[in-house]
N, C-alpha and C. Protein backbone atom coordinates (compact mmCIF):
# COMPACT_ATOMS: atom_id res chain seq x y z
N MET A 1 198.55 87.92 96.75
CA MET A 1 198.70 88.32 98.13
C MET A 1 200.09 88.91 98.33
N MET A 2 200.16 90.04 98.98
CA MET A 2 201.44 90.72 99.22
C MET A 2 202.04 90.26 100.54
N MET A 3 203.32 90.12 100.55
CA MET A 3 204.03 89.76 101.76
C MET A 3 204.18 91.00 102.64
N LYS A 4 203.98 90.85 103.93
CA LYS A 4 204.17 91.97 104.85
C LYS A 4 205.66 92.24 105.02
N SER A 5 205.99 93.43 105.45
CA SER A 5 207.38 93.86 105.53
C SER A 5 208.22 92.97 106.46
N ASN A 6 207.70 92.66 107.64
CA ASN A 6 208.47 91.82 108.57
C ASN A 6 208.68 90.42 108.02
N LYS A 7 207.65 89.86 107.42
CA LYS A 7 207.76 88.52 106.85
C LYS A 7 208.71 88.53 105.66
N HIS A 8 208.65 89.58 104.85
CA HIS A 8 209.53 89.69 103.69
C HIS A 8 210.99 89.83 104.12
N SER A 9 211.24 90.63 105.15
CA SER A 9 212.61 90.78 105.65
C SER A 9 213.13 89.46 106.20
N PHE A 10 212.31 88.76 106.96
CA PHE A 10 212.70 87.45 107.49
C PHE A 10 212.96 86.47 106.36
N PHE A 11 212.13 86.52 105.33
CA PHE A 11 212.26 85.65 104.17
C PHE A 11 213.59 85.87 103.46
N ILE A 12 213.95 87.11 103.19
CA ILE A 12 215.22 87.44 102.53
C ILE A 12 216.40 87.06 103.42
N LEU A 13 216.32 87.40 104.71
CA LEU A 13 217.40 87.08 105.64
C LEU A 13 217.59 85.57 105.78
N MET A 14 216.51 84.82 105.81
CA MET A 14 216.61 83.37 105.94
C MET A 14 217.23 82.75 104.68
N ASN A 15 216.88 83.25 103.50
CA ASN A 15 217.48 82.72 102.28
C ASN A 15 218.97 83.05 102.20
N ALA A 16 219.35 84.24 102.63
CA ALA A 16 220.77 84.59 102.67
C ALA A 16 221.50 83.71 103.68
N SER A 17 220.86 83.45 104.81
CA SER A 17 221.47 82.56 105.82
C SER A 17 221.61 81.14 105.31
N LEU A 18 220.61 80.68 104.57
CA LEU A 18 220.71 79.34 103.97
C LEU A 18 221.85 79.28 102.96
N GLY A 19 222.07 80.36 102.22
CA GLY A 19 223.20 80.41 101.29
C GLY A 19 224.53 80.31 102.01
N LEU A 20 224.68 81.05 103.11
CA LEU A 20 225.92 80.96 103.89
C LEU A 20 226.08 79.59 104.53
N LEU A 21 224.99 79.04 105.02
CA LEU A 21 225.03 77.70 105.60
C LEU A 21 225.45 76.67 104.55
N THR A 22 224.98 76.84 103.33
CA THR A 22 225.38 75.94 102.24
C THR A 22 226.89 75.99 102.03
N CYS A 23 227.46 77.19 102.05
CA CYS A 23 228.91 77.32 101.88
C CYS A 23 229.67 76.63 103.00
N PHE A 24 229.25 76.89 104.23
CA PHE A 24 229.95 76.29 105.37
C PHE A 24 229.82 74.78 105.39
N VAL A 25 228.65 74.26 105.11
CA VAL A 25 228.45 72.80 105.12
C VAL A 25 229.25 72.16 103.99
N TYR A 26 229.26 72.79 102.82
CA TYR A 26 230.03 72.25 101.70
C TYR A 26 231.52 72.21 102.03
N LEU A 27 232.05 73.32 102.54
CA LEU A 27 233.47 73.35 102.90
C LEU A 27 233.81 72.40 104.03
N TYR A 28 232.93 72.31 105.02
CA TYR A 28 233.17 71.39 106.13
C TYR A 28 233.22 69.94 105.66
N THR A 29 232.27 69.54 104.82
CA THR A 29 232.29 68.14 104.35
C THR A 29 233.48 67.89 103.43
N TRP A 30 233.91 68.89 102.70
CA TRP A 30 235.09 68.71 101.85
C TRP A 30 236.33 68.51 102.71
N VAL A 31 236.49 69.35 103.74
CA VAL A 31 237.65 69.23 104.62
C VAL A 31 237.59 67.94 105.43
N ALA A 32 236.41 67.58 105.91
CA ALA A 32 236.28 66.41 106.79
C ALA A 32 236.44 65.09 106.05
N PHE A 33 235.97 65.00 104.81
CA PHE A 33 235.94 63.71 104.14
C PHE A 33 236.93 63.57 102.97
N SER A 34 237.24 64.65 102.29
CA SER A 34 238.08 64.49 101.10
C SER A 34 238.96 65.71 100.88
N PHE A 35 239.73 66.07 101.87
CA PHE A 35 240.51 67.31 101.82
C PHE A 35 241.53 67.34 100.69
N MET A 36 242.25 66.27 100.49
CA MET A 36 243.29 66.28 99.47
C MET A 36 242.77 65.89 98.09
N GLU A 37 241.51 65.59 97.99
CA GLU A 37 240.92 65.24 96.71
C GLU A 37 240.27 66.48 96.09
N SER A 38 239.59 66.28 94.99
CA SER A 38 238.89 67.35 94.31
C SER A 38 237.71 67.83 95.15
N MET A 39 237.34 69.10 94.96
CA MET A 39 236.16 69.63 95.66
C MET A 39 234.88 69.07 95.08
N TRP A 40 234.97 68.36 93.97
CA TRP A 40 233.80 67.79 93.32
C TRP A 40 233.66 66.30 93.62
N SER A 41 234.11 65.86 94.79
CA SER A 41 233.94 64.47 95.17
C SER A 41 232.54 64.27 95.74
N TRP A 42 232.20 63.02 96.05
CA TRP A 42 230.82 62.67 96.41
C TRP A 42 230.31 63.33 97.68
N GLU A 43 231.08 63.33 98.73
CA GLU A 43 230.58 63.84 100.01
C GLU A 43 230.20 65.32 99.94
N PRO A 44 231.09 66.19 99.41
CA PRO A 44 230.69 67.59 99.30
C PRO A 44 229.50 67.80 98.36
N LEU A 45 229.45 67.05 97.29
CA LEU A 45 228.32 67.20 96.37
C LEU A 45 227.01 66.75 96.99
N LEU A 46 227.06 65.72 97.83
CA LEU A 46 225.84 65.30 98.54
C LEU A 46 225.40 66.36 99.55
N SER A 47 226.34 66.99 100.22
CA SER A 47 225.97 68.06 101.14
C SER A 47 225.41 69.26 100.39
N LEU A 48 225.95 69.53 99.21
CA LEU A 48 225.43 70.61 98.38
C LEU A 48 224.01 70.31 97.92
N ALA A 49 223.76 69.08 97.50
CA ALA A 49 222.42 68.69 97.09
C ALA A 49 221.44 68.76 98.26
N GLY A 50 221.88 68.35 99.45
CA GLY A 50 221.03 68.44 100.63
C GLY A 50 220.70 69.88 100.99
N SER A 51 221.69 70.76 100.89
CA SER A 51 221.45 72.17 101.20
C SER A 51 220.49 72.81 100.20
N ILE A 52 220.63 72.48 98.94
CA ILE A 52 219.72 73.01 97.93
C ILE A 52 218.32 72.47 98.14
N THR A 53 218.21 71.21 98.57
CA THR A 53 216.90 70.63 98.88
C THR A 53 216.24 71.37 100.04
N ILE A 54 217.01 71.68 101.08
CA ILE A 54 216.48 72.45 102.21
C ILE A 54 216.02 73.83 101.74
N PHE A 55 216.79 74.46 100.87
CA PHE A 55 216.41 75.76 100.31
C PHE A 55 215.07 75.67 99.58
N ILE A 56 214.91 74.65 98.76
CA ILE A 56 213.67 74.49 97.98
C ILE A 56 212.49 74.22 98.91
N ILE A 57 212.67 73.33 99.87
CA ILE A 57 211.58 73.00 100.80
C ILE A 57 211.19 74.24 101.61
N TRP A 58 212.17 74.99 102.09
CA TRP A 58 211.88 76.20 102.86
C TRP A 58 211.06 77.19 102.03
N ASN A 59 211.45 77.39 100.78
CA ASN A 59 210.75 78.37 99.96
C ASN A 59 209.39 77.87 99.48
N VAL A 60 209.24 76.59 99.28
CA VAL A 60 207.91 76.06 98.96
C VAL A 60 206.98 76.31 100.14
N TYR A 61 207.48 76.09 101.36
CA TYR A 61 206.68 76.33 102.56
C TYR A 61 206.35 77.82 102.71
N MET A 62 207.34 78.68 102.52
CA MET A 62 207.13 80.12 102.72
C MET A 62 206.32 80.77 101.60
N LEU A 63 206.44 80.26 100.39
CA LEU A 63 205.84 80.92 99.23
C LEU A 63 204.63 80.19 98.66
N LYS A 64 203.99 79.37 99.44
CA LYS A 64 202.88 78.58 98.88
C LYS A 64 201.70 79.44 98.46
N ARG A 65 201.53 80.62 99.07
CA ARG A 65 200.41 81.49 98.68
C ARG A 65 200.88 82.84 98.16
N GLU A 66 202.13 82.96 97.84
CA GLU A 66 202.67 84.25 97.40
C GLU A 66 202.86 84.27 95.88
N GLN A 67 203.24 85.43 95.39
CA GLN A 67 203.45 85.61 93.96
C GLN A 67 204.75 84.97 93.52
N LYS A 68 204.83 84.70 92.23
CA LYS A 68 206.02 84.03 91.69
C LYS A 68 207.27 84.91 91.73
N ARG A 69 207.11 86.21 91.78
CA ARG A 69 208.29 87.08 91.78
C ARG A 69 209.14 86.89 93.03
N TYR A 70 208.55 86.38 94.09
CA TYR A 70 209.32 86.14 95.30
C TYR A 70 210.30 85.00 95.13
N TRP A 71 210.06 84.08 94.21
CA TRP A 71 211.03 83.02 93.93
C TRP A 71 212.31 83.64 93.38
N ALA A 72 212.18 84.64 92.53
CA ALA A 72 213.37 85.31 91.99
C ALA A 72 214.16 85.98 93.11
N GLN A 73 213.46 86.62 94.05
CA GLN A 73 214.13 87.23 95.18
C GLN A 73 214.80 86.19 96.06
N ALA A 74 214.16 85.05 96.24
CA ALA A 74 214.74 83.98 97.05
C ALA A 74 216.02 83.46 96.41
N ILE A 75 215.96 83.19 95.13
CA ILE A 75 217.14 82.66 94.42
C ILE A 75 218.26 83.69 94.41
N PHE A 76 217.92 84.96 94.19
CA PHE A 76 218.94 86.00 94.17
C PHE A 76 219.61 86.15 95.53
N SER A 77 218.84 86.16 96.61
CA SER A 77 219.44 86.32 97.93
C SER A 77 220.28 85.09 98.30
N TYR A 78 219.84 83.90 97.90
CA TYR A 78 220.58 82.66 98.17
C TYR A 78 221.90 82.65 97.41
N LEU A 79 221.83 82.86 96.10
CA LEU A 79 223.05 82.84 95.29
C LEU A 79 223.93 84.06 95.55
N GLY A 80 223.32 85.19 95.89
CA GLY A 80 224.09 86.38 96.20
C GLY A 80 224.94 86.20 97.45
N SER A 81 224.38 85.57 98.47
CA SER A 81 225.16 85.34 99.68
C SER A 81 226.29 84.34 99.42
N ILE A 82 226.05 83.36 98.55
CA ILE A 82 227.11 82.41 98.19
C ILE A 82 228.21 83.13 97.42
N ALA A 83 227.83 84.02 96.50
CA ALA A 83 228.82 84.76 95.72
C ALA A 83 229.65 85.68 96.60
N ILE A 84 229.01 86.35 97.54
CA ILE A 84 229.75 87.24 98.46
C ILE A 84 230.69 86.42 99.33
N PHE A 85 230.24 85.27 99.81
CA PHE A 85 231.09 84.40 100.60
C PHE A 85 232.30 83.95 99.78
N ALA A 86 232.07 83.54 98.55
CA ALA A 86 233.17 83.09 97.69
C ALA A 86 234.14 84.23 97.38
N TYR A 87 233.61 85.43 97.22
CA TYR A 87 234.48 86.58 96.93
C TYR A 87 235.41 86.86 98.12
N PHE A 88 234.86 86.85 99.33
CA PHE A 88 235.71 87.14 100.49
C PHE A 88 236.57 85.94 100.88
N LEU A 89 236.25 84.77 100.39
CA LEU A 89 237.06 83.59 100.67
C LEU A 89 238.37 83.62 99.88
N THR A 90 238.34 84.24 98.70
CA THR A 90 239.54 84.28 97.85
C THR A 90 240.49 85.38 98.22
């Protein structure tokens, strides 16, 4: 089954938004709970795991009847938005 254009655009935009939300939530929990410690402490890692879980649940819901190639697009848009955020953060 092919995804319609509007649904596909929303799908890509939502995955990119989830990627940006992951960055903001990770940085917020790092600043709020362990600012002077390593970025790999428990609180930020738990927020990262939660964000990735939301990403997986969202895509399982959206892609339950779609082709497998859309998973690659979902992962690329998610990680791409994180990479762009990290690039402009430095």
